[in-house]
Protein backbone atom coordinates (compact mmCIF):
# COMPACT_ATOMS: atom_id res chain seq x y z
CA MET A 1 104.55 94.81 127.61
CA LYS A 2 105.24 92.81 124.45
CA LEU A 3 104.05 94.32 121.18
CA SER A 4 103.08 92.81 117.83
CA VAL A 5 103.19 95.17 114.86
CA VAL A 6 100.60 94.05 112.30
CA ILE A 7 100.54 95.23 108.67
CA ILE A 8 98.43 94.17 105.68
CA THR A 9 99.91 94.56 102.20
CA PHE A 10 99.27 94.27 98.51
CA ASN A 11 101.87 95.54 96.03
CA GLU A 12 103.45 97.94 98.50
CA GLU A 13 107.07 97.93 97.30
CA GLN A 14 107.03 101.73 97.25
CA ASN A 15 106.11 102.00 100.94
CA ILE A 16 106.78 98.86 102.95
CA GLN A 17 110.48 99.39 103.70
CA ARG A 18 109.84 102.81 105.25
CA CYS A 19 107.07 101.32 107.38
CA LEU A 20 109.20 98.39 108.57
CA GLU A 21 112.19 100.63 109.34
CA SER A 22 110.03 102.90 111.49
CA VAL A 23 108.82 100.09 113.80
CA GLN A 24 112.10 98.24 114.38
CA ALA A 25 112.67 99.87 117.77
CA VAL A 26 109.19 99.15 119.16
CA ALA A 27 108.26 95.73 117.72
CA ASP A 28 108.73 92.43 119.53
CA GLU A 29 107.39 90.81 116.38
CA ILE A 30 106.19 92.05 112.99
CA VAL A 31 103.34 90.25 111.23
CA VAL A 32 102.75 91.04 107.56
CA VAL A 33 99.62 89.58 105.95
CA ASP A 34 99.98 89.90 102.19
CA SER A 35 97.28 89.48 99.54
CA PHE A 36 99.62 87.73 97.06
CA SER A 37 101.55 90.77 95.88
CA THR A 38 103.02 90.62 92.38
CA ASP A 39 105.74 93.24 92.99
CA LYS A 40 108.76 93.19 95.33
CA THR A 41 106.78 93.45 98.59
CA ALA A 42 107.64 89.90 99.70
CA GLU A 43 111.31 90.32 98.72
CA ILE A 44 111.62 93.51 100.77
CA CYS A 45 109.90 91.94 103.80
CA GLN A 46 112.36 89.03 103.70
CA LYS A 47 115.15 91.47 104.52
CA TYR A 48 113.53 92.03 107.92
CA GLN A 49 112.56 89.61 110.66
CA VAL A 50 108.87 89.44 109.85
CA GLN A 51 106.29 86.71 109.96
CA PHE A 52 105.12 86.86 106.33
CA ILE A 53 101.70 85.27 105.72
CA GLN A 54 99.85 85.18 102.41
CA GLN A 55 96.07 85.34 102.52
CA ALA A 56 93.63 86.12 99.70
CA PHE A 57 92.03 89.48 100.37
CA LEU A 58 88.92 89.12 102.53
CA GLY A 59 87.89 92.79 102.67
CA TYR A 60 89.63 95.53 104.66
CA VAL A 61 87.83 94.84 107.95
CA GLU A 62 88.03 91.06 107.63
CA GLN A 63 91.68 91.05 106.51
CA LYS A 64 92.77 93.15 109.48
CA ASN A 65 90.88 90.95 111.94
CA PHE A 66 92.54 87.90 110.36
CA ALA A 67 95.92 89.61 110.71
CA ASN A 68 95.27 90.38 114.40
CA ALA A 69 94.58 86.69 115.01
CA GLN A 70 98.06 85.80 113.71
CA ALA A 71 99.81 87.99 116.30
CA SER A 72 101.57 86.25 119.20
CA TYR A 73 100.99 89.05 121.71
CA ASP A 74 97.81 90.68 123.00
CA TRP A 75 99.05 94.21 122.39
CA ILE A 76 98.95 95.20 118.73
CA LEU A 77 100.18 98.21 116.81
CA SER A 78 98.29 98.16 113.51
CA LEU A 79 99.70 100.13 110.59
CA ASP A 80 99.00 100.35 106.88
CA ALA A 81 102.00 99.82 104.63
CA ASP A 82 101.97 103.49 103.56
CA GLU A 83 102.29 104.64 107.18
CA ALA A 84 105.25 105.11 109.51
CA LEU A 85 105.87 106.23 113.09
CA SER A 86 107.08 109.75 113.81
CA GLU A 87 109.97 109.98 116.26
CA ARG A 88 107.67 111.45 118.91
CA LEU A 89 105.16 108.60 118.57
CA LYS A 90 107.95 106.03 118.58
CA ASN A 91 109.28 107.42 121.87
CA GLU A 92 105.79 107.45 123.42
CA ILE A 93 105.30 103.78 122.53
CA LEU A 94 108.72 102.88 123.93
CA GLN A 95 107.71 104.48 127.23
CA LEU A 96 104.47 102.47 127.26
CA LYS A 97 106.39 99.25 126.63
CA LYS A 98 108.23 99.75 129.91
CA GLN A 99 104.92 99.26 131.72
CA GLU A 100 103.83 95.72 132.50
CA ASN A 101 100.17 96.78 132.47
CA PRO A 102 99.44 99.99 130.51
CA ASN A 103 96.84 102.26 132.11
CA ALA A 104 94.45 101.99 129.13
CA ASP A 105 92.93 99.33 126.88
CA ALA A 106 93.81 101.21 123.69
CA PHE A 107 95.57 104.34 122.50
CA SER A 108 94.68 106.72 119.70
CA MET A 109 97.06 108.99 117.81
CA PRO A 110 96.75 111.69 115.16
CA ARG A 111 97.56 110.85 111.54
CA LEU A 112 99.47 113.40 109.47
CA THR A 113 99.14 112.89 105.72
CA ASN A 114 101.75 113.64 103.10
CA TYR A 115 99.96 114.45 99.84
CA LEU A 116 102.07 114.80 96.67
CA GLY A 117 105.02 115.79 98.86
CA LYS A 118 103.08 118.30 101.01
CA TRP A 119 102.12 117.71 104.65
CA ILE A 120 98.40 118.48 105.06
CA ARG A 121 97.94 120.03 108.52
CA HIS A 122 94.32 121.15 108.16
CA THR A 123 91.15 120.04 106.29
CA ASP A 124 89.35 117.01 107.73
CA TRP A 125 92.54 115.04 107.05
CA TYR A 126 94.15 116.28 110.25
CA PRO A 127 94.33 115.41 113.06
CA ASP A 128 92.36 112.37 111.79
CA ARG A 129 92.87 110.65 115.15
CA ARG A 130 92.79 106.83 115.00
CA ILE A 131 93.01 103.96 117.49
CA ARG A 132 95.98 101.92 116.29
CA LEU A 133 97.52 100.61 119.51
CA PHE A 134 95.23 98.27 121.40
CA ASN A 135 94.77 95.07 123.36
CA LYS A 136 93.31 92.59 120.88
CA THR A 137 91.37 90.80 123.63
CA LYS A 138 89.39 94.02 124.13
CA ALA A 139 89.00 95.39 120.60
CA HIS A 140 88.36 94.38 117.00
CA TRP A 141 88.13 95.92 113.54
CA THR A 142 84.73 96.97 112.25
CA GLY A 143 83.28 99.60 109.89
CA ILE A 144 81.95 99.82 106.34
CA ASN A 145 84.48 98.61 103.76
CA PRO A 146 86.81 100.17 102.77
CA HIS A 147 86.68 102.43 105.85
CA ASP A 148 87.72 100.32 108.82
CA CYS A 149 87.98 101.38 112.45
CA ILE A 150 88.70 99.84 115.84
CA GLN A 151 85.74 99.19 118.10
CA MET A 152 86.20 98.45 121.77
CA GLN A 153 84.26 95.41 122.95
CA ASN A 154 83.32 97.04 126.26
CA ALA A 155 81.73 100.47 126.41
CA ASN A 156 83.66 101.12 129.61
CA SER A 157 87.05 100.49 128.00
CA LEU A 158 89.59 103.25 128.53
CA VAL A 159 91.11 104.80 125.39
CA SER A 160 93.97 107.21 126.02
CA LYS A 161 95.50 109.70 123.59
CA LEU A 162 99.08 109.82 122.36
CA LYS A 163 100.46 113.04 120.88
CA GLY A 164 102.92 111.74 118.26
CA ASP A 165 101.78 111.43 114.65
CA ILE A 166 101.37 108.44 112.43
CA LEU A 167 102.96 109.64 109.18
CA HIS A 168 100.73 108.72 106.24
CA TYR A 169 102.32 108.83 102.78
CA SER A 170 99.11 108.80 100.80
CA TYR A 171 99.41 109.64 97.11
CA TYR A 172 102.31 110.37 94.80
CA SER A 173 100.22 111.66 91.86
CA ILE A 174 96.77 113.01 91.08
CA HIS A 175 96.25 110.00 88.82
CA GLN A 176 96.85 107.64 91.75
CA HIS A 177 94.44 109.61 93.94
CA ILE A 178 91.63 109.55 91.37
CA ALA A 179 92.16 105.83 90.68
CA GLN A 180 91.94 105.06 94.41
CA LEU A 181 88.87 107.29 94.72
CA ASN A 182 87.16 105.32 91.97
CA HIS A 183 88.08 102.01 93.59
CA PHE A 184 87.02 102.99 97.12
CA THR A 185 83.73 104.64 96.10
CA SER A 186 82.76 101.49 94.20
CA ILE A 187 83.41 99.31 97.24
CA MET A 188 81.53 101.68 99.54
CA ALA A 189 78.56 102.07 97.17
CA GLU A 190 78.18 98.29 96.84
CA THR A 191 78.38 97.83 100.62
CA LEU A 192 75.85 100.59 101.32
CA VAL A 193 73.36 99.40 98.69
CA LYS A 194 73.48 95.88 100.16
CA SER A 195 72.64 97.38 103.56
CA GLY A 196 69.65 99.23 102.09
CA LYS A 197 71.20 102.69 101.83
CA LYS A 198 69.43 105.14 99.51
CA ALA A 199 70.80 108.21 97.69
CA PRO A 200 68.01 110.76 97.21
CA LEU A 201 68.69 113.34 94.52
CA TYR A 202 69.19 116.20 96.98
CA LYS A 203 72.18 114.41 98.55
CA LEU A 204 73.85 114.29 95.16
CA PHE A 205 73.91 118.10 95.16
CA ILE A 206 74.03 119.15 98.80
CA ASN A 207 76.45 116.65 100.35
CA PRO A 208 79.44 117.33 98.03
CA ILE A 209 79.03 121.10 98.51
CA TRP A 210 78.86 120.69 102.29
CA LYS A 211 81.88 118.36 102.21
CA PHE A 212 83.96 121.01 100.44
CA LEU A 213 82.82 123.91 102.63
CA TYR A 214 83.32 121.93 105.84
CA SER A 215 86.83 120.82 104.91
CA TYR A 216 88.06 123.97 103.15
CA VAL A 217 86.44 126.66 105.31
CA LEU A 218 85.46 125.25 108.70
CA ARG A 219 88.50 122.95 108.95
CA LEU A 220 90.80 125.64 107.54
CA GLY A 221 91.86 123.73 104.45
CA PHE A 222 92.73 127.04 102.77
CA LEU A 223 95.72 127.32 105.09
CA ASP A 224 97.30 124.37 103.25
CA GLY A 225 97.42 126.42 100.06
CA TYR A 226 97.06 124.87 96.63
CA TYR A 227 97.19 121.27 97.85
CA GLY A 228 94.67 122.04 100.56
CA PHE A 229 92.27 123.16 97.85
CA VAL A 230 92.99 120.02 95.79
CA VAL A 231 92.38 117.72 98.77
CA CYS A 232 89.05 119.41 99.59
CA ALA A 233 87.90 119.47 95.96
CA VAL A 234 88.73 115.80 95.37
CA SER A 235 87.07 114.84 98.66
CA ALA A 236 83.90 116.63 97.53
CA PHE A 237 84.09 114.84 94.19
CA ALA A 238 84.45 111.52 96.02
CA THR A 239 81.25 112.26 97.93
CA PHE A 240 79.47 113.08 94.67
CA THR A 241 80.80 109.91 93.02
CA LYS A 242 79.74 107.72 95.95
CA TYR A 243 76.13 108.90 95.81
CA LEU A 244 76.11 108.67 92.01
CA LYS A 245 77.21 105.03 92.21
CA ILE A 246 74.66 104.25 94.93
CA ARG A 247 71.90 105.60 92.66
CA GLU A 248 73.19 103.61 89.70
CA LEU A 249 73.43 100.34 91.67
CA SER A 250 70.01 100.89 93.25
CA LYS A 251 68.42 101.30 89.80
CA LYS A 252 70.12 98.13 88.56
CA SER A 253 68.94 96.14 91.58
CA LYS A 254 65.36 97.29 91.03
CA LYS A 255 65.48 96.17 87.39
CA ASN A 256 66.82 92.78 88.43
C-alpha cells in the first residue's frame, strides 16, 4: 500500500525535523499544511521532500480534514509536528505497507508523552490510544475543537490495534504548559457555549477533584513521581479553568 504522511504546523521549528526524520522510511509522500509560520518551520521542511502547503488556520478539525484532502494516496498517517514514530511502530507500519489490502480500515496506536524530559507512563496520558493510520475514504476528523479525533464513516468499519508508540514531545517548560492550557480552554469553552453547554456551580468544584483523583490514583499517576503529580494537578486545573470560562461566557451572552 502507498502511504501519505500528513502533518499540520504552525511555528514548529523546535519539533518538525524530528517528526520528518521519523517518517522517512514509511512515507511515500509527506504533506505539510502550514498556517503561515513565522519561524524556521518552512525552511526546515524544504530540506526534505515534502509537499508544503500554506493555509490560514481553519480550526483543528477543519485544518486536518483540509490536509487529508491534499494527500495523493488513500492511506494516511496523520501526525502532529511534536510527534514521532517509535522504532517498534515504524516497523509495524513497514510490515503493513507490504500488504496490497490491509486487513482493517484504520489502525490505532498508543501515544507516549514526554513531559519536561520525563516519559509519562501512567495517568490518563497513557496509553492514550489514537487512530492515526486510516483509509481517508472511510474516515474523517471530527470532535470539539481543539480536541480532534478520527471517526469512521461506517459503524461496521474494522479498526485494528498496533503496539508501537507514537512519541509525543509535549511541553518543554511549565510556562509553555500553562500558556497552552489557557489557549485550549478558551477555544473549548467558546465551542461548548455555542453548542449550548452549561457549567453548573457543582461542576466547578466536583469535576476538577474527580479529574485529579481519577488520573493520580485510579490511573496510577503517582507511579510517575513528581512529574506525574504535576501532570495530574495541571489537568485538574485545566478542568476547573474550562468550567470557569464557560460560566463567564454564558453570563456575557445572557447580558448581550
